Amino acid sequence: MKYLFFFILIFTTQIFNSQTTIINYKPSNEDFPNPERGFYRYSETRVSNYTPLIKNELENYRKLHKPPSASYAIHSSLIFRYFF
């Protein structure tokens, strides 16, 4: 019981002593890649002929590009890597 009281005392002290930080973001029309969702690039490799991902190629996926015969430009922020 003594330990429970001590835990509650410490816990409530931490709650009342914590500070709140307010962050105000400015609106923007900038097109930027979302690291958690969006367009992905397909990639595959096989155990018999494994090919590693190439750093420069991955970095270029993040740049804004226009797919062939498309009327829009995209950032690719995800990789779908299929292993055979």
PDB file of N, CA and C in Angstrom:
ATOM      1  N   MET A   1       0.835  -1.192   0.000  1.00  0.00           N
ATOM      2  CA  MET A   1       0.000   0.000   0.000  1.00  0.00           C
ATOM      3  C   MET A   1       0.875   1.249   0.000  1.00  0.00           C
ATOM      4  N   LYS A   2       1.978   1.195   0.731  1.00  0.00           N
ATOM      5  CA  LYS A   2       2.887   2.330   0.802  1.00  0.00           C
ATOM      6  C   LYS A   2       3.473   2.629  -0.576  1.00  0.00           C
ATOM      7  N   TYR A   3       3.788   1.583  -1.342  1.00  0.00           N
ATOM      8  CA  TYR A   3       4.353   1.776  -2.679  1.00  0.00           C
ATOM      9  C   TYR A   3       3.320   2.359  -3.643  1.00  0.00           C
ATOM     10  N   LEU A   4       2.100   1.942  -3.508  1.00  0.00           N
ATOM     11  CA  LEU A   4       1.035   2.469  -4.363  1.00  0.00           C
ATOM     12  C   LEU A   4       0.848   3.958  -4.107  1.00  0.00           C
ATOM     13  N   PHE A   5       0.834   4.362  -2.868  1.00  0.00           N
ATOM     14  CA  PHE A   5       0.711   5.779  -2.526  1.00  0.00           C
ATOM     15  C   PHE A   5       1.879   6.573  -3.108  1.00  0.00           C
ATOM     16  N   PHE A   6       3.091   6.027  -2.989  1.00  0.00           N
ATOM     17  CA  PHE A   6       4.276   6.693  -3.505  1.00  0.00           C
ATOM     18  C   PHE A   6       4.195   6.829  -5.032  1.00  0.00           C
ATOM     19  N   PHE A   7       3.750   5.784  -5.709  1.00  0.00           N
ATOM     20  CA  PHE A   7       3.595   5.814  -7.162  1.00  0.00           C
ATOM     21  C   PHE A   7       2.579   6.871  -7.575  1.00  0.00           C
ATOM     22  N   ILE A   8       1.450   6.915  -6.925  1.00  0.00           N
ATOM     23  CA  ILE A   8       0.403   7.903  -7.245  1.00  0.00           C
ATOM     24  C   ILE A   8       0.908   9.315  -6.986  1.00  0.00           C
ATOM     25  N   LEU A   9       1.636   9.504  -5.919  1.00  0.00           N
ATOM     26  CA  LEU A   9       2.196  10.819  -5.600  1.00  0.00           C
ATOM     27  C   LEU A   9       3.162  11.278  -6.698  1.00  0.00           C
ATOM     28  N   ILE A  10       4.051  10.410  -7.117  1.00  0.00           N
ATOM     29  CA  ILE A  10       5.019  10.747  -8.177  1.00  0.00           C
ATOM     30  C   ILE A  10       4.293  11.000  -9.493  1.00  0.00           C
ATOM     31  N   PHE A  11       3.354  10.150  -9.837  1.00  0.00           N
ATOM     32  CA  PHE A  11       2.618  10.265 -11.096  1.00  0.00           C
ATOM     33  C   PHE A  11       1.853  11.586 -11.169  1.00  0.00           C
ATOM     34  N   THR A  12       1.130  11.941 -10.130  1.00  0.00           N
ATOM     35  CA  THR A  12       0.359  13.190 -10.135  1.00  0.00           C
ATOM     36  C   THR A  12       1.273  14.406 -10.130  1.00  0.00           C
ATOM     37  N   THR A  13       2.403  14.314  -9.490  1.00  0.00           N
ATOM     38  CA  THR A  13       3.362  15.418  -9.497  1.00  0.00           C
ATOM     39  C   THR A  13       3.873  15.652 -10.911  1.00  0.00           C
ATOM     40  N   GLN A  14       4.143  14.581 -11.643  1.00  0.00           N
ATOM     41  CA  GLN A  14       4.616  14.705 -13.024  1.00  0.00           C
ATOM     42  C   GLN A  14       3.554  15.337 -13.915  1.00  0.00           C
ATOM     43  N   ILE A  15       2.312  14.987 -13.731  1.00  0.00           N
ATOM     44  CA  ILE A  15       1.226  15.543 -14.541  1.00  0.00           C
ATOM     45  C   ILE A  15       1.094  17.042 -14.304  1.00  0.00           C
ATOM     46  N   PHE A  16       1.125  17.463 -13.067  1.00  0.00           N
ATOM     47  CA  PHE A  16       0.935  18.881 -12.765  1.00  0.00           C
ATOM     48  C   PHE A  16       2.159  19.727 -13.115  1.00  0.00           C
ATOM     49  N   ASN A  17       3.327  19.127 -13.179  1.00  0.00           N
ATOM     50  CA  ASN A  17       4.535  19.859 -13.512  1.00  0.00           C
ATOM     51  C   ASN A  17       4.837  19.868 -15.010  1.00  0.00           C
ATOM     52  N   SER A  18       4.096  19.115 -15.800  1.00  0.00           N
ATOM     53  CA  SER A  18       4.367  19.075 -17.235  1.00  0.00           C
ATOM     54  C   SER A  18       3.925  20.377 -17.896  1.00  0.00           C
ATOM     55  N   GLN A  19       4.624  20.734 -18.961  1.00  0.00           N
ATOM     56  CA  GLN A  19       4.322  21.967 -19.671  1.00  0.00           C
ATOM     57  C   GLN A  19       3.687  21.624 -21.013  1.00  0.00           C
ATOM     58  N   THR A  20       2.847  22.513 -21.486  1.00  0.00           N
ATOM     59  CA  THR A  20       2.199  22.342 -22.773  1.00  0.00           C
ATOM     60  C   THR A  20       2.897  23.229 -23.794  1.00  0.00           C
ATOM     61  N   THR A  21       3.187  22.653 -24.936  1.00  0.00           N
ATOM     62  CA  THR A  21       3.792  23.405 -26.026  1.00  0.00           C
ATOM     63  C   THR A  21       2.780  23.508 -27.148  1.00  0.00           C
ATOM     64  N   ILE A  22       2.540  24.714 -27.612  1.00  0.00           N
ATOM     65  CA  ILE A  22       1.610  24.948 -28.708  1.00  0.00           C
ATOM     66  C   ILE A  22       2.422  25.273 -29.955  1.00  0.00           C
ATOM     67  N   ILE A  23       2.141  24.549 -31.029  1.00  0.00           N
ATOM     68  CA  ILE A  23       2.814  24.777 -32.300  1.00  0.00           C
ATOM     69  C   ILE A  23       1.780  25.234 -33.308  1.00  0.00           C
ATOM     70  N   ASN A  24       2.006  26.362 -33.921  1.00  0.00           N
ATOM     71  CA  ASN A  24       1.111  26.882 -34.955  1.00  0.00           C
ATOM     72  C   ASN A  24       1.793  26.719 -36.309  1.00  0.00           C
ATOM     73  N   TYR A  25       1.154  25.988 -37.211  1.00  0.00           N
ATOM     74  CA  TYR A  25       1.696  25.770 -38.538  1.00  0.00           C
ATOM     75  C   TYR A  25       1.066  26.760 -39.510  1.00  0.00           C
ATOM     76  N   LYS A  26       1.875  27.252 -40.440  1.00  0.00           N
ATOM     77  CA  LYS A  26       1.384  28.173 -41.461  1.00  0.00           C
ATOM     78  C   LYS A  26       0.865  27.370 -42.643  1.00  0.00           C
ATOM     79  N   PRO A  27      -0.244  27.806 -43.229  1.00  0.00           N
ATOM     80  CA  PRO A  27      -0.763  27.115 -44.415  1.00  0.00           C
ATOM     81  C   PRO A  27       0.238  27.201 -45.566  1.00  0.00           C
ATOM     82  N   SER A  28       0.250  26.164 -46.391  1.00  0.00           N
ATOM     83  CA  SER A  28       1.175  26.129 -47.519  1.00  0.00           C
ATOM     84  C   SER A  28       0.534  25.370 -48.676  1.00  0.00           C
ATOM     85  N   ASN A  29       0.828  25.798 -49.880  1.00  0.00           N
ATOM     86  CA  ASN A  29       0.381  25.089 -51.079  1.00  0.00           C
ATOM     87  C   ASN A  29       1.496  24.241 -51.668  1.00  0.00           C
ATOM     88  N   GLU A  30       2.600  24.106 -50.928  1.00  0.00           N
ATOM     89  CA  GLU A  30       3.747  23.342 -51.385  1.00  0.00           C
ATOM     90  C   GLU A  30       3.383  21.863 -51.509  1.00  0.00           C
ATOM     91  N   ASP A  31       3.833  21.255 -52.580  1.00  0.00           N
ATOM     92  CA  ASP A  31       3.626  19.827 -52.798  1.00  0.00           C
ATOM     93  C   ASP A  31       4.841  19.093 -52.228  1.00  0.00           C
ATOM     94  N   PHE A  32       4.628  18.280 -51.210  1.00  0.00           N
ATOM     95  CA  PHE A  32       5.740  17.590 -50.561  1.00  0.00           C
ATOM     96  C   PHE A  32       5.369  16.124 -50.335  1.00  0.00           C
ATOM     97  N   PRO A  33       6.371  15.241 -50.271  1.00  0.00           N
ATOM     98  CA  PRO A  33       6.079  13.815 -50.084  1.00  0.00           C
ATOM     99  C   PRO A  33       5.658  13.508 -48.650  1.00  0.00           C
ATOM    100  N   ASN A  34       4.676  12.656 -48.530  1.00  0.00           N
ATOM    101  CA  ASN A  34       4.234  12.185 -47.225  1.00  0.00           C
ATOM    102  C   ASN A  34       4.973  10.888 -46.941  1.00  0.00           C
ATOM    103  N   PRO A  35       5.763  10.815 -45.874  1.00  0.00           N
ATOM    104  CA  PRO A  35       6.580   9.618 -45.636  1.00  0.00           C
ATOM    105  C   PRO A  35       5.792   8.382 -45.223  1.00  0.00           C
ATOM    106  N   GLU A  36       4.519   8.513 -44.913  1.00  0.00           N
ATOM    107  CA  GLU A  36       3.756   7.365 -44.425  1.00  0.00           C
ATOM    108  C   GLU A  36       2.726   6.832 -45.423  1.00  0.00           C
ATOM    109  N   ARG A  37       2.437   7.599 -46.450  1.00  0.00           N
ATOM    110  CA  ARG A  37       1.433   7.147 -47.408  1.00  0.00           C
ATOM    111  C   ARG A  37       1.657   7.843 -48.735  1.00  0.00           C
ATOM    112  N   GLY A  38       0.988   7.382 -49.730  1.00  0.00           N
ATOM    113  CA  GLY A  38       1.130   8.007 -51.034  1.00  0.00           C
ATOM    114  C   GLY A  38       1.519   7.006 -52.097  1.00  0.00           C
ATOM    115  N   PHE A  39       2.145   7.498 -53.136  1.00  0.00           N
ATOM    116  CA  PHE A  39       2.547   6.659 -54.250  1.00  0.00           C
ATOM    117  C   PHE A  39       3.763   5.809 -53.876  1.00  0.00           C
ATOM    118  N   TYR A  40       3.813   4.613 -54.400  1.00  0.00           N
ATOM    119  CA  TYR A  40       4.957   3.757 -54.130  1.00  0.00           C
ATOM    120  C   TYR A  40       5.562   3.279 -55.440  1.00  0.00           C
ATOM    121  N   ARG A  41       6.798   2.842 -55.369  1.00  0.00           N
ATOM    122  CA  ARG A  41       7.493   2.254 -56.502  1.00  0.00           C
ATOM    123  C   ARG A  41       7.606   0.757 -56.268  1.00  0.00           C
ATOM    124  N   TYR A  42       7.359   0.008 -57.328  1.00  0.00           N
ATOM    125  CA  TYR A  42       7.452  -1.448 -57.275  1.00  0.00           C
ATOM    126  C   TYR A  42       8.895  -1.870 -57.523  1.00  0.00           C
ATOM    127  N   SER A  43       9.334  -2.842 -56.772  1.00  0.00           N
ATOM    128  CA  SER A  43      10.673  -3.394 -56.935  1.00  0.00           C
ATOM    129  C   SER A  43      10.617  -4.872 -56.588  1.00  0.00           C
ATOM    130  N   GLU A  44      11.371  -5.662 -57.304  1.00  0.00           N
ATOM    131  CA  GLU A  44      11.399  -7.092 -56.982  1.00  0.00           C
ATOM    132  C   GLU A  44      12.814  -7.622 -57.097  1.00  0.00           C
ATOM    133  N   THR A  45      13.058  -8.704 -56.399  1.00  0.00           N
ATOM    134  CA  THR A  45      14.338  -9.389 -56.473  1.00  0.00           C
ATOM    135  C   THR A  45      14.102 -10.866 -56.211  1.00  0.00           C
ATOM    136  N   ARG A  46      15.055 -11.660 -56.625  1.00  0.00           N
ATOM    137  CA  ARG A  46      14.949 -13.111 -56.454  1.00  0.00           C
ATOM    138  C   ARG A  46      16.116 -13.622 -55.619  1.00  0.00           C
ATOM    139  N   VAL A  47      15.867 -14.686 -54.893  1.00  0.00           N
ATOM    140  CA  VAL A  47      16.918 -15.283 -54.073  1.00  0.00           C
ATOM    141  C   VAL A  47      18.063 -15.762 -54.961  1.00  0.00           C
ATOM    142  N   SER A  48      17.725 -16.308 -56.114  1.00  0.00           N
ATOM    143  CA  SER A  48      18.750 -16.839 -57.015  1.00  0.00           C
ATOM    144  C   SER A  48      19.601 -15.749 -57.662  1.00  0.00           C
ATOM    145  N   ASN A  49      19.066 -14.527 -57.733  1.00  0.00           N
ATOM    146  CA  ASN A  49      19.800 -13.418 -58.348  1.00  0.00           C
ATOM    147  C   ASN A  49      19.459 -12.135 -57.594  1.00  0.00           C
ATOM    148  N   TYR A  50      19.862 -12.078 -56.336  1.00  0.00           N
ATOM    149  CA  TYR A  50      19.508 -10.945 -55.476  1.00  0.00           C
ATOM    150  C   TYR A  50      20.160  -9.649 -55.967  1.00  0.00           C
ATOM    151  N   THR A  51      19.360  -8.600 -56.058  1.00  0.00           N
ATOM    152  CA  THR A  51      19.886  -7.272 -56.398  1.00  0.00           C
ATOM    153  C   THR A  51      19.508  -6.311 -55.282  1.00  0.00           C
ATOM    154  N   PRO A  52      20.479  -5.673 -54.657  1.00  0.00           N
ATOM    155  CA  PRO A  52      20.179  -4.725 -53.578  1.00  0.00           C
ATOM    156  C   PRO A  52      19.591  -3.435 -54.126  1.00  0.00           C
ATOM    157  N   LEU A  53      18.926  -2.704 -53.268  1.00  0.00           N
ATOM    158  CA  LEU A  53      18.415  -1.387 -53.644  1.00  0.00           C
ATOM    159  C   LEU A  53      19.586  -0.423 -53.762  1.00  0.00           C
ATOM    160  N   ILE A  54      19.464   0.525 -54.663  1.00  0.00           N
ATOM    161  CA  ILE A  54      20.531   1.484 -54.922  1.00  0.00           C
ATOM    162  C   ILE A  54      20.163   2.817 -54.287  1.00  0.00           C
ATOM    163  N   LYS A  55      21.067   3.336 -53.466  1.00  0.00           N
ATOM    164  CA  LYS A  55      20.799   4.546 -52.698  1.00  0.00           C
ATOM    165  C   LYS A  55      20.402   5.724 -53.591  1.00  0.00           C
ATOM    166  N   ASN A  56      21.146   5.994 -54.641  1.00  0.00           N
ATOM    167  CA  ASN A  56      20.843   7.132 -55.516  1.00  0.00           C
ATOM    168  C   ASN A  56      19.488   6.986 -56.190  1.00  0.00           C
ATOM    169  N   GLU A  57      19.144   5.770 -56.561  1.00  0.00           N
ATOM    170  CA  GLU A  57      17.846   5.522 -57.184  1.00  0.00           C
ATOM    171  C   GLU A  57      16.714   5.805 -56.197  1.00  0.00           C
ATOM    172  N   LEU A  58      16.880   5.382 -54.951  1.00  0.00           N
ATOM    173  CA  LEU A  58      15.874   5.639 -53.921  1.00  0.00           C
ATOM    174  C   LEU A  58      15.718   7.138 -53.665  1.00  0.00           C
ATOM    175  N   GLU A  59      16.835   7.866 -53.630  1.00  0.00           N
ATOM    176  CA  GLU A  59      16.776   9.313 -53.413  1.00  0.00           C
ATOM    177  C   GLU A  59      16.040  10.005 -54.559  1.00  0.00           C
ATOM    178  N   ASN A  60      16.217   9.531 -55.778  1.00  0.00           N
ATOM    179  CA  ASN A  60      15.534  10.135 -56.927  1.00  0.00           C
ATOM    180  C   ASN A  60      14.032   9.888 -56.898  1.00  0.00           C
ATOM    181  N   TYR A  61      13.586   8.814 -56.283  1.00  0.00           N
ATOM    182  CA  TYR A  61      12.149   8.551 -56.158  1.00  0.00           C
ATOM    183  C   TYR A  61      11.451   9.662 -55.373  1.00  0.00           C
ATOM    184  N   ARG A  62      12.152  10.267 -54.434  1.00  0.00           N
ATOM    185  CA  ARG A  62      11.555  11.313 -53.596  1.00  0.00           C
ATOM    186  C   ARG A  62      11.350  12.627 -54.345  1.00  0.00           C
ATOM    187  N   LYS A  63      12.072  12.803 -55.441  1.00  0.00           N
ATOM    188  CA  LYS A  63      11.957  14.044 -56.208  1.00  0.00           C
ATOM    189  C   LYS A  63      10.664  14.041 -57.013  1.00  0.00           C
ATOM    190  N   LEU A  64      10.139  15.214 -57.219  1.00  0.00           N
ATOM    191  CA  LEU A  64       8.906  15.368 -57.990  1.00  0.00           C
ATOM    192  C   LEU A  64       9.167  14.951 -59.436  1.00  0.00           C
ATOM    193  N   HIS A  65       8.356  14.036 -59.961  1.00  0.00           N
ATOM    194  CA  HIS A  65       8.511  13.607 -61.343  1.00  0.00           C
ATOM    195  C   HIS A  65       7.146  13.363 -61.973  1.00  0.00           C
ATOM    196  N   LYS A  66       7.110  13.394 -63.267  1.00  0.00           N
ATOM    197  CA  LYS A  66       5.868  13.192 -64.005  1.00  0.00           C
ATOM    198  C   LYS A  66       5.948  11.848 -64.720  1.00  0.00           C
ATOM    199  N   PRO A  67       5.034  10.928 -64.413  1.00  0.00           N
ATOM    200  CA  PRO A  67       5.033   9.635 -65.095  1.00  0.00           C
ATOM    201  C   PRO A  67       4.720   9.817 -66.587  1.00  0.00           C
ATOM    202  N   PRO A  68       5.177   8.887 -67.426  1.00  0.00           N
ATOM    203  CA  PRO A  68       4.859   8.984 -68.860  1.00  0.00           C
ATOM    204  C   PRO A  68       3.350   9.009 -69.087  1.00  0.00           C
ATOM    205  N   SER A  69       2.908   9.836 -69.979  1.00  0.00           N
ATOM    206  CA  SER A  69       1.497  10.012 -70.378  1.00  0.00           C
ATOM    207  C   SER A  69       0.583  10.362 -69.196  1.00  0.00           C
ATOM    208  N   ALA A  70       1.080  11.076 -68.208  1.00  0.00           N
ATOM    209  CA  ALA A  70       0.254  11.512 -67.070  1.00  0.00           C
ATOM    210  C   ALA A  70       0.154  13.031 -67.077  1.00  0.00           C
ATOM    211  N   SER A  71      -0.918  13.549 -66.525  1.00  0.00           N
ATOM    212  CA  SER A  71      -1.106  15.000 -66.463  1.00  0.00           C
ATOM    213  C   SER A  71      -0.811  15.538 -65.068  1.00  0.00           C
ATOM    214  N   TYR A  72      -0.117  14.766 -64.262  1.00  0.00           N
ATOM    215  CA  TYR A  72       0.185  15.157 -62.890  1.00  0.00           C
ATOM    216  C   TYR A  72       1.620  14.744 -62.553  1.00  0.00           C
ATOM    217  N   ALA A  73       2.160  15.346 -61.521  1.00  0.00           N
ATOM    218  CA  ALA A  73       3.497  14.993 -61.038  1.00  0.00           C
ATOM    219  C   ALA A  73       3.368  14.405 -59.636  1.00  0.00           C
ATOM    220  N   ILE A  74       4.273  13.498 -59.286  1.00  0.00           N
ATOM    221  CA  ILE A  74       4.180  12.816 -57.998  1.00  0.00           C
ATOM    222  C   ILE A  74       5.532  12.742 -57.297  1.00  0.00           C
ATOM    223  N   HIS A  75       5.463  12.581 -55.995  1.00  0.00           N
ATOM    224  CA  HIS A  75       6.602  12.196 -55.168  1.00  0.00           C
ATOM    225  C   HIS A  75       6.344  10.743 -54.772  1.00  0.00           C
ATOM    226  N   SER A  76       7.320   9.895 -54.888  1.00  0.00           N
ATOM    227  CA  SER A  76       7.185   8.513 -54.404  1.00  0.00           C
ATOM    228  C   SER A  76       7.902   8.418 -53.068  1.00  0.00           C
ATOM    229  N   SER A  77       7.164   8.069 -52.047  1.00  0.00           N
ATOM    230  CA  SER A  77       7.751   8.013 -50.708  1.00  0.00           C
ATOM    231  C   SER A  77       7.752   6.608 -50.118  1.00  0.00           C
ATOM    232  N   LEU A  78       7.265   5.621 -50.879  1.00  0.00           N
ATOM    233  CA  LEU A  78       7.213   4.243 -50.395  1.00  0.00           C
ATOM    234  C   LEU A  78       7.789   3.298 -51.446  1.00  0.00           C
ATOM    235  N   ILE A  79       8.315   2.186 -50.988  1.00  0.00           N
ATOM    236  CA  ILE A  79       8.827   1.131 -51.872  1.00  0.00           C
ATOM    237  C   ILE A  79       8.064  -0.149 -51.559  1.00  0.00           C
ATOM    238  N   PHE A  80       7.549  -0.797 -52.589  1.00  0.00           N
ATOM    239  CA  PHE A  80       7.000  -2.137 -52.436  1.00  0.00           C
ATOM    240  C   PHE A  80       8.074  -3.085 -52.956  1.00  0.00           C
ATOM    241  N   ARG A  81       8.702  -3.826 -52.086  1.00  0.00           N
ATOM    242  CA  ARG A  81       9.798  -4.722 -52.452  1.00  0.00           C
ATOM    243  C   ARG A  81       9.282  -6.150 -52.383  1.00  0.00           C
ATOM    244  N   TYR A  82       9.212  -6.811 -53.536  1.00  0.00           N
ATOM    245  CA  TYR A  82       8.705  -8.173 -53.616  1.00  0.00           C
ATOM    246  C   TYR A  82       9.881  -9.129 -53.704  1.00  0.00           C
ATOM    247  N   PHE A  83       9.933 -10.095 -52.784  1.00  0.00           N
ATOM    248  CA  PHE A  83      11.008 -11.077 -52.743  1.00  0.00           C
ATOM    249  C   PHE A  83      10.485 -12.419 -53.246  1.00  0.00           C
ATOM    250  N   PHE A  84      11.142 -12.966 -54.266  1.00  0.00           N
ATOM    251  CA  PHE A  84      10.796 -14.305 -54.766  1.00  0.00           C
ATOM    252  C   PHE A  84      11.762 -15.299 -54.194  1.00  0.00           C
TER     253      PHE A  84
END
